[in-house]
Amino acid sequence: MVRPGQRPPSVPIVCGIDDAYVVPLCALVASVAAAHPDPMTRPRMIVLHSGLNPSSCRALAMCGERLELELQLRRVPVDRGVRFPVTGWASRAVYLRLAIPQVVTDEPVVLYLDADTLVLGDLGPLLRQPLEGAPLAAVRDPQNPTVGAGIALPGCERIGVPAGREYFNSGVLLLDLVACAELGVFERARRFLVDWPDEVRLWDQDALNVAVDDRWRRLDRRWNTFAMSALVAQPGFFHHTAEPVMPLADLLADEYTAAVLHFAGPVKPWHDEFAVVPLRQLYRRFLPTGVLAGAR
């Protein structure tokens, strides 16, 4: 029973970052607080890292205190004997979510969010989603909605994944850690990265899609809405292979109903070169400049 003045039990949000993502994580925390005005009902947050510097830790502590949001840092031990593939704009921090079962052992269910997301609506309906035995719930990737309709898992036949199978984005994951353990999801994901490094294009996302083997619950796109208007403005953008499954016009319209907005891709809204679209100003409203200045 929850006594007056106590926080009710809740599903925590888990994020994984390095020092380069402290600023966007502060923006995410601010958006979570804004979407949940009552401090007593705000989700708790657990931040995974492999060694943040002291100024980063101070910035995050100040952010949590200022916004009255419980924020806990947990360090992930570095396994120097394992080297997962890192390409493009990703850093090794992209794999911190694969350590959730080892580091977050006290929670049966967690909501993983990428640090380049904003929460624009109450997360309660998402956190209450029944998983019904599935290890995770996620949203289909808008640019790789199926294996073969995008860049994900180009060697699908060699690794035993059928072309045309639905493919999820790993930026928002509702995880049943008990079911994940029973199915060996995270162990299978790590094994894929070690055994098939040349087939990896989208890092942990490829690995989790292979490991889950299509046993995942589909979520409405509002829980992981890509900032498509910004992506479209980037040089080299293409969508033609995914268009028959995920029409671009529908994805652009999704921005107006997003509960979780995801700034995927190499150019981020805190970068000067990010496209001048309305979402740029929306994002920058959440940057807690006072907290960041105090952390320098």
C-alpha atoms as a PDB file:
ATOM      1  CA  MET A   1       0.000   0.000   0.000  1.00  0.00           C
ATOM      2  CA  VAL A   2       1.225   3.504  -0.855  1.00  0.00           C
ATOM      3  CA  ARG A   3       1.014   5.850   2.132  1.00  0.00           C
ATOM      4  CA  PRO A   4       0.140   9.562   1.724  1.00  0.00           C
ATOM      5  CA  GLY A   5       3.178  11.466   0.516  1.00  0.00           C
ATOM      6  CA  GLN A   6       4.848   8.377  -0.949  1.00  0.00           C
ATOM      7  CA  ARG A   7       5.431   7.801  -4.640  1.00  0.00           C
ATOM      8  CA  PRO A   8       3.411   4.941  -6.098  1.00  0.00           C
ATOM      9  CA  PRO A   9       5.414   2.108  -7.645  1.00  0.00           C
ATOM     10  CA  SER A  10       6.146   2.753 -11.289  1.00  0.00           C
ATOM     11  CA  VAL A  11       7.945   1.447 -14.333  1.00  0.00           C
ATOM     12  CA  PRO A  12      11.210   3.401 -14.625  1.00  0.00           C
ATOM     13  CA  ILE A  13      12.633   4.999 -17.738  1.00  0.00           C
ATOM     14  CA  VAL A  14      16.115   3.741 -18.606  1.00  0.00           C
ATOM     15  CA  CYS A  15      18.576   5.639 -20.825  1.00  0.00           C
ATOM     16  CA  GLY A  16      22.199   4.998 -21.764  1.00  0.00           C
ATOM     17  CA  ILE A  17      24.628   7.846 -22.463  1.00  0.00           C
ATOM     18  CA  ASP A  18      28.211   9.003 -22.622  1.00  0.00           C
ATOM     19  CA  ASP A  19      29.458  12.551 -21.966  1.00  0.00           C
ATOM     20  CA  ALA A  20      28.456  13.701 -25.458  1.00  0.00           C
ATOM     21  CA  TYR A  21      24.778  13.072 -24.688  1.00  0.00           C
ATOM     22  CA  VAL A  22      24.421  14.850 -21.337  1.00  0.00           C
ATOM     23  CA  VAL A  23      22.847  17.919 -22.968  1.00  0.00           C
ATOM     24  CA  PRO A  24      20.143  15.970 -24.839  1.00  0.00           C
ATOM     25  CA  LEU A  25      19.451  13.825 -21.789  1.00  0.00           C
ATOM     26  CA  CYS A  26      18.772  17.003 -19.794  1.00  0.00           C
ATOM     27  CA  ALA A  27      16.309  18.023 -22.532  1.00  0.00           C
ATOM     28  CA  LEU A  28      14.638  14.615 -22.316  1.00  0.00           C
ATOM     29  CA  VAL A  29      14.351  14.907 -18.516  1.00  0.00           C
ATOM     30  CA  ALA A  30      12.792  18.350 -18.905  1.00  0.00           C
ATOM     31  CA  SER A  31      10.259  16.988 -21.380  1.00  0.00           C
ATOM     32  CA  VAL A  32       9.342  14.107 -19.053  1.00  0.00           C
ATOM     33  CA  ALA A  33       8.742  16.580 -16.237  1.00  0.00           C
ATOM     34  CA  ALA A  34       6.630  18.845 -18.462  1.00  0.00           C
ATOM     35  CA  ALA A  35       4.505  15.922 -19.647  1.00  0.00           C
ATOM     36  CA  HIS A  36       3.868  14.833 -16.032  1.00  0.00           C
ATOM     37  CA  PRO A  37       3.095  18.027 -14.065  1.00  0.00           C
ATOM     38  CA  ASP A  38       2.545  16.257 -10.744  1.00  0.00           C
ATOM     39  CA  PRO A  39       5.987  15.390  -9.301  1.00  0.00           C
ATOM     40  CA  MET A  40       4.421  12.478  -7.410  1.00  0.00           C
ATOM     41  CA  THR A  41       3.469  10.748 -10.652  1.00  0.00           C
ATOM     42  CA  ARG A  42       6.608  11.437 -12.658  1.00  0.00           C
ATOM     43  CA  PRO A  43       8.411   8.333 -13.888  1.00  0.00           C
ATOM     44  CA  ARG A  44      11.727   7.533 -12.258  1.00  0.00           C
ATOM     45  CA  MET A  45      14.792   7.540 -14.484  1.00  0.00           C
ATOM     46  CA  ILE A  46      17.844   5.290 -14.468  1.00  0.00           C
ATOM     47  CA  VAL A  47      20.843   6.445 -16.500  1.00  0.00           C
ATOM     48  CA  LEU A  48      23.376   3.845 -17.610  1.00  0.00           C
ATOM     49  CA  HIS A  49      26.923   4.932 -18.389  1.00  0.00           C
ATOM     50  CA  SER A  50      30.401   3.463 -18.616  1.00  0.00           C
ATOM     51  CA  GLY A  51      32.200   6.379 -16.949  1.00  0.00           C
ATOM     52  CA  LEU A  52      30.800   9.917 -17.064  1.00  0.00           C
ATOM     53  CA  ASN A  53      33.092  12.750 -16.050  1.00  0.00           C
ATOM     54  CA  PRO A  54      32.312  14.664 -12.806  1.00  0.00           C
ATOM     55  CA  SER A  55      30.854  17.693 -14.587  1.00  0.00           C
ATOM     56  CA  SER A  56      28.407  15.456 -16.449  1.00  0.00           C
ATOM     57  CA  CYS A  57      27.335  13.815 -13.201  1.00  0.00           C
ATOM     58  CA  ARG A  58      26.799  17.230 -11.609  1.00  0.00           C
ATOM     59  CA  ALA A  59      24.730  18.409 -14.573  1.00  0.00           C
ATOM     60  CA  LEU A  60      22.449  15.387 -14.351  1.00  0.00           C
ATOM     61  CA  ALA A  61      22.087  15.658 -10.579  1.00  0.00           C
ATOM     62  CA  MET A  62      21.149  19.329 -10.878  1.00  0.00           C
ATOM     63  CA  CYS A  63      18.706  18.505 -13.659  1.00  0.00           C
ATOM     64  CA  GLY A  64      16.895  15.912 -11.561  1.00  0.00           C
ATOM     65  CA  GLU A  65      16.779  18.140  -8.474  1.00  0.00           C
ATOM     66  CA  ARG A  66      15.571  21.176 -10.372  1.00  0.00           C
ATOM     67  CA  LEU A  67      12.786  19.268 -12.088  1.00  0.00           C
ATOM     68  CA  GLU A  68      11.833  17.182  -9.037  1.00  0.00           C
ATOM     69  CA  LEU A  69      12.438  13.941 -10.876  1.00  0.00           C
ATOM     70  CA  GLU A  70      14.194  10.930  -9.364  1.00  0.00           C
ATOM     71  CA  LEU A  71      17.282  10.286 -11.481  1.00  0.00           C
ATOM     72  CA  GLN A  72      19.766   7.564 -10.642  1.00  0.00           C
ATOM     73  CA  LEU A  73      23.134   6.922 -12.311  1.00  0.00           C
ATOM     74  CA  ARG A  74      24.286   3.332 -12.697  1.00  0.00           C
ATOM     75  CA  ARG A  75      27.693   2.444 -14.082  1.00  0.00           C
ATOM     76  CA  VAL A  76      28.038  -0.376 -16.587  1.00  0.00           C
ATOM     77  CA  PRO A  77      31.229  -2.437 -16.189  1.00  0.00           C
ATOM     78  CA  VAL A  78      33.333  -2.305 -19.337  1.00  0.00           C
ATOM     79  CA  ASP A  79      34.038  -5.684 -20.904  1.00  0.00           C
ATOM     80  CA  ARG A  80      37.326  -4.965 -22.634  1.00  0.00           C
ATOM     81  CA  GLY A  81      37.350  -8.402 -24.217  1.00  0.00           C
ATOM     82  CA  VAL A  82      34.295  -7.680 -26.403  1.00  0.00           C
ATOM     83  CA  ARG A  83      34.274  -5.206 -29.296  1.00  0.00           C
ATOM     84  CA  PHE A  84      30.897  -4.629 -30.908  1.00  0.00           C
ATOM     85  CA  PRO A  85      30.885  -2.955 -34.343  1.00  0.00           C
ATOM     86  CA  VAL A  86      30.635   0.852 -34.364  1.00  0.00           C
ATOM     87  CA  THR A  87      30.088   2.735 -37.622  1.00  0.00           C
ATOM     88  CA  GLY A  88      28.675   6.039 -38.838  1.00  0.00           C
ATOM     89  CA  TRP A  89      27.626   8.508 -36.147  1.00  0.00           C
ATOM     90  CA  ALA A  90      27.178   5.928 -33.391  1.00  0.00           C
ATOM     91  CA  SER A  91      29.467   5.600 -30.379  1.00  0.00           C
ATOM     92  CA  ARG A  92      29.947   2.597 -28.107  1.00  0.00           C
ATOM     93  CA  ALA A  93      27.272   4.080 -25.848  1.00  0.00           C
ATOM     94  CA  VAL A  94      24.697   2.754 -28.315  1.00  0.00           C
ATOM     95  CA  TYR A  95      25.259  -0.681 -26.765  1.00  0.00           C
ATOM     96  CA  LEU A  96      24.680   0.372 -23.148  1.00  0.00           C
ATOM     97  CA  ARG A  97      21.066  -0.791 -23.387  1.00  0.00           C
ATOM     98  CA  LEU A  98      22.314  -4.344 -23.852  1.00  0.00           C
ATOM     99  CA  ALA A  99      23.593  -4.194 -20.257  1.00  0.00           C
ATOM    100  CA  ILE A 100      20.134  -3.520 -18.791  1.00  0.00           C
ATOM    101  CA  PRO A 101      19.661  -7.093 -17.460  1.00  0.00           C
ATOM    102  CA  GLN A 102      23.023  -6.967 -15.659  1.00  0.00           C
ATOM    103  CA  VAL A 103      22.689  -3.462 -14.198  1.00  0.00           C
ATOM    104  CA  VAL A 104      18.932  -3.070 -13.680  1.00  0.00           C
ATOM    105  CA  THR A 105      18.290  -6.233 -11.696  1.00  0.00           C
ATOM    106  CA  ASP A 106      15.657  -4.768  -9.374  1.00  0.00           C
ATOM    107  CA  GLU A 107      12.978  -3.924 -11.946  1.00  0.00           C
ATOM    108  CA  PRO A 108      10.830  -6.502 -13.782  1.00  0.00           C
ATOM    109  CA  VAL A 109       9.709  -4.048 -16.473  1.00  0.00           C
ATOM    110  CA  VAL A 110      11.449  -0.921 -17.790  1.00  0.00           C
ATOM    111  CA  LEU A 111      10.884   1.614 -20.542  1.00  0.00           C
ATOM    112  CA  TYR A 112      14.039   2.259 -22.521  1.00  0.00           C
ATOM    113  CA  LEU A 113      14.267   5.651 -24.282  1.00  0.00           C
ATOM    114  CA  ASP A 114      17.043   6.932 -26.504  1.00  0.00           C
ATOM    115  CA  ALA A 115      18.522  10.187 -25.262  1.00  0.00           C
ATOM    116  CA  ASP A 116      17.584  11.927 -28.534  1.00  0.00           C
ATOM    117  CA  THR A 117      13.861  11.682 -27.764  1.00  0.00           C
ATOM    118  CA  LEU A 118      11.364  14.108 -26.268  1.00  0.00           C
ATOM    119  CA  VAL A 119       8.326  13.020 -24.272  1.00  0.00           C
ATOM    120  CA  LEU A 120       5.332  15.121 -25.331  1.00  0.00           C
ATOM    121  CA  GLY A 121       2.489  13.197 -23.700  1.00  0.00           C
ATOM    122  CA  ASP A 122       1.604  11.237 -20.585  1.00  0.00           C
ATOM    123  CA  LEU A 123       3.540   7.962 -20.608  1.00  0.00           C
ATOM    124  CA  GLY A 124       0.974   6.241 -18.387  1.00  0.00           C
ATOM    125  CA  PRO A 125      -0.874   4.459 -21.218  1.00  0.00           C
ATOM    126  CA  LEU A 126       2.411   3.140 -22.594  1.00  0.00           C
ATOM    127  CA  LEU A 127       3.693   1.988 -19.214  1.00  0.00           C
ATOM    128  CA  ARG A 128       0.425   0.127 -18.643  1.00  0.00           C
ATOM    129  CA  GLN A 129       0.574  -1.728 -21.969  1.00  0.00           C
ATOM    130  CA  PRO A 130       0.231  -5.473 -21.343  1.00  0.00           C
ATOM    131  CA  LEU A 131       3.072  -7.392 -22.946  1.00  0.00           C
ATOM    132  CA  GLU A 132       1.215 -10.713 -22.778  1.00  0.00           C
ATOM    133  CA  GLY A 133       4.356 -12.807 -22.637  1.00  0.00           C
ATOM    134  CA  ALA A 134       6.289 -10.882 -25.298  1.00  0.00           C
ATOM    135  CA  PRO A 135       9.802  -9.829 -24.234  1.00  0.00           C
ATOM    136  CA  LEU A 136       9.321  -6.311 -25.549  1.00  0.00           C
ATOM    137  CA  ALA A 137       6.961  -3.876 -27.232  1.00  0.00           C
ATOM    138  CA  ALA A 138       8.184  -1.433 -29.871  1.00  0.00           C
ATOM    139  CA  VAL A 139       7.244   0.604 -32.946  1.00  0.00           C
ATOM    140  CA  ARG A 140       8.091  -0.457 -36.478  1.00  0.00           C
ATOM    141  CA  ASP A 141      11.013   1.498 -37.865  1.00  0.00           C
ATOM    142  CA  PRO A 142       9.666   4.078 -40.353  1.00  0.00           C
ATOM    143  CA  GLN A 143      12.674   3.826 -42.668  1.00  0.00           C
ATOM    144  CA  ASN A 144      13.202   0.092 -42.240  1.00  0.00           C
ATOM    145  CA  PRO A 145       9.651  -1.182 -41.668  1.00  0.00           C
ATOM    146  CA  THR A 146      10.507  -4.640 -42.925  1.00  0.00           C
ATOM    147  CA  VAL A 147      13.733  -6.520 -43.466  1.00  0.00           C
ATOM    148  CA  GLY A 148      14.733  -5.651 -47.025  1.00  0.00           C
ATOM    149  CA  ALA A 149      12.833  -2.330 -47.140  1.00  0.00           C
ATOM    150  CA  GLY A 150      15.797  -0.222 -46.025  1.00  0.00           C
ATOM    151  CA  ILE A 151      19.411  -0.710 -44.995  1.00  0.00           C
ATOM    152  CA  ALA A 152      18.814  -3.013 -42.020  1.00  0.00           C
ATOM    153  CA  LEU A 153      20.144  -6.583 -42.123  1.00  0.00           C
ATOM    154  CA  PRO A 154      21.244  -6.677 -45.763  1.00  0.00           C
ATOM    155  CA  GLY A 155      22.514 -10.242 -45.345  1.00  0.00           C
ATOM    156  CA  CYS A 156      19.238 -11.482 -43.901  1.00  0.00           C
ATOM    157  CA  GLU A 157      19.320 -14.757 -45.824  1.00  0.00           C
ATOM    158  CA  ARG A 158      22.799 -15.600 -44.561  1.00  0.00           C
ATOM    159  CA  ILE A 159      21.814 -15.035 -40.942  1.00  0.00           C
ATOM    160  CA  GLY A 160      18.481 -16.821 -41.153  1.00  0.00           C
ATOM    161  CA  VAL A 161      16.113 -13.839 -40.990  1.00  0.00           C
ATOM    162  CA  PRO A 162      13.349 -13.899 -43.624  1.00  0.00           C
ATOM    163  CA  ALA A 163      13.077 -10.917 -45.943  1.00  0.00           C
ATOM    164  CA  GLY A 164       9.833  -9.055 -45.392  1.00  0.00           C
ATOM    165  CA  ARG A 165       9.693  -9.666 -41.642  1.00  0.00           C
ATOM    166  CA  GLU A 166       8.606  -6.609 -39.662  1.00  0.00           C
ATOM    167  CA  TYR A 167      11.494  -4.689 -38.090  1.00  0.00           C
ATOM    168  CA  PHE A 168      11.280  -2.435 -35.029  1.00  0.00           C
ATOM    169  CA  ASN A 169      13.144   0.687 -33.975  1.00  0.00           C
ATOM    170  CA  SER A 170      15.032   0.306 -30.682  1.00  0.00           C
ATOM    171  CA  GLY A 171      14.760   3.956 -29.588  1.00  0.00           C
ATOM    172  CA  VAL A 172      11.663   3.201 -27.500  1.00  0.00           C
ATOM    173  CA  LEU A 173      11.389  -0.248 -25.929  1.00  0.00           C
ATOM    174  CA  LEU A 174       9.002  -1.458 -23.249  1.00  0.00           C
ATOM    175  CA  LEU A 175      10.963  -4.401 -21.853  1.00  0.00           C
ATOM    176  CA  ASP A 176       9.728  -7.326 -19.777  1.00  0.00           C
ATOM    177  CA  LEU A 177      13.084  -8.302 -18.310  1.00  0.00           C
ATOM    178  CA  VAL A 178      11.737 -11.581 -16.930  1.00  0.00           C
ATOM    179  CA  ALA A 179      10.534 -12.681 -20.371  1.00  0.00           C
ATOM    180  CA  CYS A 180      13.769 -11.394 -21.932  1.00  0.00           C
ATOM    181  CA  ALA A 181      15.768 -13.571 -19.543  1.00  0.00           C
ATOM    182  CA  GLU A 182      13.625 -16.629 -20.223  1.00  0.00           C
ATOM    183  CA  LEU A 183      14.109 -16.227 -23.978  1.00  0.00           C
ATOM    184  CA  GLY A 184      17.780 -15.231 -23.738  1.00  0.00           C
ATOM    185  CA  VAL A 185      17.127 -12.072 -25.755  1.00  0.00           C
ATOM    186  CA  PHE A 186      20.110 -10.027 -24.639  1.00  0.00           C
ATOM    187  CA  GLU A 187      22.510 -12.982 -24.762  1.00  0.00           C
ATOM    188  CA  ARG A 188      21.386 -13.754 -28.327  1.00  0.00           C
ATOM    189  CA  ALA A 189      21.774 -10.095 -29.309  1.00  0.00           C
ATOM    190  CA  ARG A 190      25.351  -9.948 -28.040  1.00  0.00           C
ATOM    191  CA  ARG A 191      26.169 -13.223 -29.739  1.00  0.00           C
ATOM    192  CA  PHE A 192      24.865 -11.904 -33.067  1.00  0.00           C
ATOM    193  CA  LEU A 193      27.106  -8.819 -32.813  1.00  0.00           C
ATOM    194  CA  VAL A 194      30.150 -11.005 -32.179  1.00  0.00           C
ATOM    195  CA  ASP A 195      29.343 -13.653 -34.790  1.00  0.00           C
ATOM    196  CA  TRP A 196      28.066 -11.396 -37.599  1.00  0.00           C
ATOM    197  CA  PRO A 197      29.805  -7.986 -37.307  1.00  0.00           C
ATOM    198  CA  ASP A 198      29.899  -7.494 -41.084  1.00  0.00           C
ATOM    199  CA  GLU A 199      26.099  -7.763 -41.270  1.00  0.00           C
ATOM    200  CA  VAL A 200      25.483  -5.012 -38.712  1.00  0.00           C
ATOM    201  CA  ARG A 201      24.180  -1.712 -40.086  1.00  0.00           C
ATOM    202  CA  LEU A 202      22.051  -0.382 -37.231  1.00  0.00           C
ATOM    203  CA  TRP A 203      24.014  -1.642 -34.239  1.00  0.00           C
ATOM    204  CA  ASP A 204      22.015  -2.828 -31.212  1.00  0.00           C
ATOM    205  CA  GLN A 205      18.795  -2.438 -33.186  1.00  0.00           C
ATOM    206  CA  ASP A 206      19.817  -5.097 -35.699  1.00  0.00           C
ATOM    207  CA  ALA A 207      20.940  -7.361 -32.885  1.00  0.00           C
ATOM    208  CA  LEU A 208      17.703  -7.067 -30.911  1.00  0.00           C
ATOM    209  CA  ASN A 209      15.557  -7.649 -33.980  1.00  0.00           C
ATOM    210  CA  VAL A 210      17.467 -10.840 -34.699  1.00  0.00           C
ATOM    211  CA  ALA A 211      17.398 -11.956 -31.065  1.00  0.00           C
ATOM    212  CA  VAL A 212      13.671 -11.420 -30.523  1.00  0.00           C
ATOM    213  CA  ASP A 213      12.857 -13.465 -33.643  1.00  0.00           C
ATOM    214  CA  ASP A 214       9.624 -11.562 -34.341  1.00  0.00           C
ATOM    215  CA  ARG A 215       8.215 -12.176 -30.839  1.00  0.00           C
ATOM    216  CA  TRP A 216       7.493  -8.540 -30.040  1.00  0.00           C
ATOM    217  CA  ARG A 217       4.340  -6.542 -29.467  1.00  0.00           C
ATOM    218  CA  ARG A 218       3.548  -3.774 -31.931  1.00  0.00           C
ATOM    219  CA  LEU A 219       2.957  -0.274 -30.520  1.00  0.00           C
ATOM    220  CA  ASP A 220       1.181   2.664 -32.112  1.00  0.00           C
ATOM    221  CA  ARG A 221       3.571   5.011 -33.944  1.00  0.00           C
ATOM    222  CA  ARG A 222       2.805   7.879 -31.551  1.00  0.00           C
ATOM    223  CA  TRP A 223       5.075   6.183 -28.990  1.00  0.00           C
ATOM    224  CA  ASN A 224       8.122   6.526 -31.285  1.00  0.00           C
ATOM    225  CA  THR A 225       7.485   9.199 -33.900  1.00  0.00           C
ATOM    226  CA  PHE A 226      10.444  10.123 -36.053  1.00  0.00           C
ATOM    227  CA  ALA A 227      11.135  13.820 -36.673  1.00  0.00           C
ATOM    228  CA  MET A 228      10.711  13.184 -40.386  1.00  0.00           C
ATOM    229  CA  SER A 229      10.422  16.832 -41.435  1.00  0.00           C
ATOM    230  CA  ALA A 230      14.035  17.309 -40.340  1.00  0.00           C
ATOM    231  CA  LEU A 231      15.257  14.076 -41.917  1.00  0.00           C
ATOM    232  CA  VAL A 232      13.667  14.960 -45.257  1.00  0.00           C
ATOM    233  CA  ALA A 233      15.684  18.198 -45.290  1.00  0.00           C
ATOM    234  CA  GLN A 234      19.004  16.356 -44.931  1.00  0.00           C
ATOM    235  CA  PRO A 235      21.203  15.737 -48.025  1.00  0.00           C
ATOM    236  CA  GLY A 236      21.027  12.165 -49.211  1.00  0.00           C
ATOM    237  CA  PHE A 237      17.646  11.406 -47.592  1.00  0.00           C
ATOM    238  CA  PHE A 238      15.846   8.523 -49.247  1.00  0.00           C
ATOM    239  CA  HIS A 239      12.632   6.727 -48.449  1.00  0.00           C
ATOM    240  CA  HIS A 240      11.649   5.039 -51.709  1.00  0.00           C
ATOM    241  CA  THR A 241      12.221   1.475 -50.517  1.00  0.00           C
ATOM    242  CA  ALA A 242      10.057   1.996 -47.423  1.00  0.00           C
ATOM    243  CA  GLU A 243       7.391   4.143 -49.128  1.00  0.00           C
ATOM    244  CA  PRO A 244       5.056   1.252 -50.061  1.00  0.00           C
ATOM    245  CA  VAL A 245       4.884   0.182 -46.403  1.00  0.00           C
ATOM    246  CA  MET A 246       5.289   3.523 -44.598  1.00  0.00           C
ATOM    247  CA  PRO A 247       4.097   6.418 -46.809  1.00  0.00           C
ATOM    248  CA  LEU A 248       6.125   9.535 -46.128  1.00  0.00           C
ATOM    249  CA  ALA A 249       3.013  11.723 -46.014  1.00  0.00           C
ATOM    250  CA  ASP A 250       1.666   9.639 -43.118  1.00  0.00           C
ATOM    251  CA  LEU A 251       4.960   9.836 -41.249  1.00  0.00           C
ATOM    252  CA  LEU A 252       5.085  13.625 -41.604  1.00  0.00           C
ATOM    253  CA  ALA A 253       1.512  13.867 -40.302  1.00  0.00           C
ATOM    254  CA  ASP A 254       2.483  11.755 -37.266  1.00  0.00           C
ATOM    255  CA  GLU A 255       4.557  14.645 -35.895  1.00  0.00           C
ATOM    256  CA  TYR A 256       1.359  16.425 -34.846  1.00  0.00           C
ATOM    257  CA  THR A 257       0.146  13.550 -32.654  1.00  0.00           C
ATOM    258  CA  ALA A 258       3.449  12.291 -31.239  1.00  0.00           C
ATOM    259  CA  ALA A 259       3.647  11.241 -27.596  1.00  0.00           C
ATOM    260  CA  VAL A 260       7.360  10.443 -27.935  1.00  0.00           C
ATOM    261  CA  LEU A 261       9.276  12.324 -30.621  1.00  0.00           C
ATOM    262  CA  HIS A 262      12.513  10.734 -31.820  1.00  0.00           C
ATOM    263  CA  PHE A 263      15.296  12.760 -33.459  1.00  0.00           C
ATOM    264  CA  ALA A 264      16.958   9.838 -35.206  1.00  0.00           C
ATOM    265  CA  GLY A 265      19.827  10.222 -37.652  1.00  0.00           C
ATOM    266  CA  PRO A 266      23.289  11.782 -37.571  1.00  0.00           C
ATOM    267  CA  VAL A 267      22.251  15.458 -37.328  1.00  0.00           C
ATOM    268  CA  LYS A 268      20.587  16.327 -34.028  1.00  0.00           C
ATOM    269  CA  PRO A 269      18.442  19.305 -32.981  1.00  0.00           C
ATOM    270  CA  TRP A 270      21.186  20.628 -30.689  1.00  0.00           C
ATOM    271  CA  HIS A 271      23.526  20.832 -33.723  1.00  0.00           C
ATOM    272  CA  ASP A 272      23.763  24.122 -35.622  1.00  0.00           C
ATOM    273  CA  GLU A 273      23.307  22.294 -38.935  1.00  0.00           C
ATOM    274  CA  PHE A 274      19.944  20.804 -37.928  1.00  0.00           C
ATOM    275  CA  ALA A 275      17.242  21.809 -40.403  1.00  0.00           C
ATOM    276  CA  VAL A 276      15.313  24.980 -39.632  1.00  0.00           C
ATOM    277  CA  VAL A 277      11.935  23.329 -39.118  1.00  0.00           C
ATOM    278  CA  PRO A 278       9.359  23.886 -36.329  1.00  0.00           C
ATOM    279  CA  LEU A 279      10.652  20.836 -34.451  1.00  0.00           C
ATOM    280  CA  ARG A 280      14.007  22.548 -33.994  1.00  0.00           C
ATOM    281  CA  GLN A 281      12.422  25.275 -31.875  1.00  0.00           C
ATOM    282  CA  LEU A 282      10.242  22.772 -30.063  1.00  0.00           C
ATOM    283  CA  TYR A 283      13.311  20.800 -29.040  1.00  0.00           C
ATOM    284  CA  ARG A 284      15.340  23.791 -27.945  1.00  0.00           C
ATOM    285  CA  ARG A 285      12.596  24.906 -25.583  1.00  0.00           C
ATOM    286  CA  PHE A 286      13.510  21.923 -23.416  1.00  0.00           C
ATOM    287  CA  LEU A 287      17.240  22.582 -23.220  1.00  0.00           C
ATOM    288  CA  PRO A 288      17.855  23.537 -19.539  1.00  0.00           C
ATOM    289  CA  THR A 289      20.565  26.114 -20.146  1.00  0.00           C
ATOM    290  CA  GLY A 290      20.791  27.151 -16.495  1.00  0.00           C
ATOM    291  CA  VAL A 291      21.613  23.613 -15.423  1.00  0.00           C
ATOM    292  CA  LEU A 292      24.185  23.201 -18.165  1.00  0.00           C
ATOM    293  CA  ALA A 293      25.870  26.503 -17.388  1.00  0.00           C
ATOM    294  CA  GLY A 294      26.126  25.522 -13.747  1.00  0.00           C
ATOM    295  CA  ALA A 295      27.837  22.264 -14.667  1.00  0.00           C
ATOM    296  CA  ARG A 296      30.738  23.840 -16.549  1.00  0.00           C
END
